[in-house]
């Protein structure tokens, strides 16, 4: 059996969207997926490029992907590699593929001068949390992810404030 991790190419946008939908279904969040193949292609290959992805192949067949971007930390003055998604088809799990993906991303983070990697995990996802602990990841205690989107985002953006006093 052979495992290959390769950088995504524009023709992979549709396959990546299939994996995104599979991940969302596993996470019970399929109803939240609005992305199109064009959206994925624009994120990965538009100008400016907003994200990166790799495809995972087992004996030449696609079995998973990883999707990431770079964020910054003003505290340490460096970038971080933020992992948005990692997914491996269920029948290919427990073969070390996830460890290979995270090791590859760690090498990319170091090569890019990043001070670390970060990602979110659903609190009920015990298998993933156990895996993350096994590779040395720890939760960021005391922090809660916040989100502003949809009508709340539009409402805030439409507010006008007087300039100066």
Protein backbone atom coordinates (compact mmCIF):
# COMPACT_ATOMS: atom_id res chain seq x y z
CA UNK A 1 0.00 0.00 0.00
CA UNK A 2 1.27 3.48 -0.80
CA UNK A 3 0.33 6.80 0.74
CA UNK A 4 0.81 10.05 -1.17
CA UNK A 5 0.23 13.60 0.01
CA UNK A 6 0.18 16.09 -2.83
CA UNK A 7 -0.61 19.76 -3.19
CA UNK A 8 -4.04 20.44 -4.64
CA UNK A 9 -4.32 21.69 -8.22
CA UNK A 10 -7.25 23.69 -9.68
CA UNK A 11 -8.85 20.53 -11.07
CA UNK A 12 -9.16 19.19 -7.50
CA UNK A 13 -11.68 21.85 -6.39
CA UNK A 14 -14.69 19.58 -6.98
CA UNK A 15 -13.10 16.66 -5.12
CA UNK A 16 -12.16 18.94 -2.23
CA UNK A 17 -15.78 20.11 -2.03
CA UNK A 18 -16.91 16.45 -1.89
CA UNK A 19 -14.54 15.90 1.05
CA UNK A 20 -15.76 19.11 2.74
CA UNK A 21 -19.32 17.82 2.49
CA UNK A 22 -18.26 14.42 3.87
CA UNK A 23 -16.55 16.11 6.81
CA UNK A 24 -19.60 18.31 7.42
CA UNK A 25 -21.86 15.26 7.37
CA UNK A 26 -19.62 13.51 9.94
CA UNK A 27 -19.73 16.64 12.10
CA UNK A 28 -23.54 16.86 11.73
CA UNK A 29 -23.10 20.26 10.02
CA UNK A 30 -23.92 19.47 6.38
CA UNK A 31 -26.73 22.04 6.50
CA UNK A 32 -24.07 24.76 6.96
CA UNK A 33 -22.13 24.00 3.76
CA UNK A 34 -22.79 26.74 1.22
CA UNK A 35 -19.46 26.63 -0.63
CA UNK A 36 -19.39 25.90 -4.34
CA UNK A 37 -16.64 24.39 -6.43
CA UNK A 38 -15.96 27.92 -7.71
CA UNK A 39 -15.61 29.22 -4.16
CA UNK A 40 -13.06 26.51 -3.33
CA UNK A 41 -11.13 27.20 -6.54
CA UNK A 42 -11.08 30.95 -5.77
CA UNK A 43 -9.84 30.39 -2.20
CA UNK A 44 -7.05 28.07 -3.31
CA UNK A 45 -6.01 29.51 -6.67
CA UNK A 46 -7.45 33.01 -6.93
CA UNK A 47 -5.53 36.22 -6.65
CA UNK A 48 -4.80 36.73 -3.87
CA UNK A 49 -4.63 33.12 -2.78
CA UNK A 50 -6.44 32.78 0.56
CA UNK A 51 -5.83 29.15 1.49
CA UNK A 52 -3.92 25.99 0.61
CA UNK A 53 -4.88 22.35 0.40
CA UNK A 54 -3.39 18.95 -0.04
CA UNK A 55 -4.96 15.72 -1.22
CA UNK A 56 -4.33 12.36 0.36
CA UNK A 57 -4.12 9.35 -1.94
CA UNK A 58 -3.93 5.67 -0.99
CA UNK A 59 -2.72 3.52 -3.86
CA UNK A 60 -3.56 6.41 -6.19
CA UNK A 61 -7.17 6.81 -5.01
CA UNK A 62 -8.19 10.03 -3.20
CA UNK A 63 -9.09 9.28 0.44
CA UNK A 64 -8.83 12.63 2.22
CA UNK A 65 -7.62 16.19 2.32
CA UNK A 66 -6.31 19.02 4.47
CA UNK A 67 -7.18 22.70 4.05
CA UNK A 68 -5.28 25.52 5.81
CA UNK A 69 -4.32 29.17 5.80
CA UNK A 70 -1.93 31.42 7.68
CA UNK A 71 -2.97 33.64 10.56
CA UNK A 72 -0.86 35.99 12.63
CA UNK A 73 -0.06 36.42 16.28
CA UNK A 74 0.66 39.96 17.35
CA UNK A 75 1.88 38.57 20.67
CA UNK A 76 4.83 36.70 19.17
CA UNK A 77 5.00 38.69 15.93
CA UNK A 78 4.86 35.58 13.74
CA UNK A 79 2.46 33.62 11.62
CA UNK A 80 0.66 30.46 12.58
CA UNK A 81 -0.62 27.75 10.26
CA UNK A 82 -4.36 27.48 10.91
CA UNK A 83 -5.84 24.14 9.90
CA UNK A 84 -9.41 24.64 8.76
CA UNK A 85 -10.17 21.05 7.81
CA UNK A 86 -8.61 17.60 7.86
CA UNK A 87 -10.61 14.63 6.66
CA UNK A 88 -9.84 10.99 5.93
CA UNK A 89 -12.50 8.61 4.62
CA UNK A 90 -13.69 6.35 7.47
CA UNK A 91 -12.47 3.12 5.91
CA UNK A 92 -8.92 4.54 5.70
CA UNK A 93 -8.69 5.76 9.29
CA UNK A 94 -6.38 4.14 11.86
CA UNK A 95 -3.66 3.59 9.25
CA UNK A 96 -1.44 6.49 10.31
CA UNK A 97 -2.71 8.83 7.59
CA UNK A 98 -3.70 11.58 10.02
CA UNK A 99 -0.26 11.52 11.61
CA UNK A 100 1.31 11.86 8.14
CA UNK A 101 -0.96 14.81 7.34
CA UNK A 102 -0.16 16.64 10.56
CA UNK A 103 3.58 15.93 10.22
CA UNK A 104 3.49 17.35 6.68
CA UNK A 105 1.66 20.45 7.90
CA UNK A 106 4.15 20.83 10.77
CA UNK A 107 7.02 20.78 8.27
CA UNK A 108 5.24 23.42 6.16
CA UNK A 109 4.65 25.56 9.25
CA UNK A 110 8.31 25.45 10.22
CA UNK A 111 9.45 26.13 6.64
CA UNK A 112 7.16 29.20 6.57
CA UNK A 113 8.60 30.51 9.85
CA UNK A 114 5.40 29.86 11.80
CA UNK A 115 5.45 29.76 15.58
CA UNK A 116 2.86 27.00 15.67
CA UNK A 117 -0.30 25.43 14.29
CA UNK A 118 -3.85 25.82 15.52
CA UNK A 119 -7.24 24.30 14.72
CA UNK A 120 -10.66 23.79 16.25
CA UNK A 121 -12.33 20.52 17.15
CA UNK A 122 -15.91 19.85 18.18
CA UNK A 123 -16.07 19.10 21.90
CA UNK A 124 -17.94 15.81 21.33
CA UNK A 125 -15.37 14.45 18.85
CA UNK A 126 -13.52 12.19 21.30
CA UNK A 127 -11.61 10.16 18.65
CA UNK A 128 -10.13 13.30 17.10
CA UNK A 129 -9.34 14.85 20.48
CA UNK A 130 -7.54 11.65 21.53
CA UNK A 131 -5.55 11.70 18.29
CA UNK A 132 -4.59 15.37 18.79
CA UNK A 133 -3.37 14.59 22.32
CA UNK A 134 -1.31 11.71 20.92
CA UNK A 135 0.61 14.07 18.63
CA UNK A 136 1.24 16.56 21.44
CA UNK A 137 -1.54 19.12 20.83
CA UNK A 138 -3.18 20.75 23.82
CA UNK A 139 -6.35 22.83 24.11
CA UNK A 140 -6.00 26.57 24.43
CA UNK A 141 -7.46 26.95 27.89
CA UNK A 142 -9.62 29.93 28.68
CA UNK A 143 -10.42 30.81 25.08
CA UNK A 144 -13.76 30.44 23.29
CA UNK A 145 -14.13 30.83 19.54
CA UNK A 146 -16.48 33.68 18.60
CA UNK A 147 -18.31 34.04 15.28
CA UNK A 148 -20.12 36.95 13.64
CA UNK A 149 -21.92 36.13 10.39
CA UNK A 150 -25.16 36.42 8.45
CA UNK A 151 -27.61 39.08 9.55
CA UNK A 152 -25.52 40.08 12.57
CA UNK A 153 -22.49 40.72 10.35
CA UNK A 154 -24.58 42.75 7.89
CA UNK A 155 -26.22 44.74 10.70
CA UNK A 156 -22.90 45.62 12.30
CA UNK A 157 -21.33 46.58 8.97
CA UNK A 158 -24.23 48.89 8.15
CA UNK A 159 -23.90 50.91 11.35
CA UNK A 160 -22.59 54.40 10.90
CA UNK A 161 -20.66 56.29 13.54
CA UNK A 162 -19.88 59.98 13.71
CA UNK A 163 -16.27 60.70 12.81
CA UNK A 164 -14.38 62.28 15.66
CA UNK A 165 -15.96 64.20 18.53
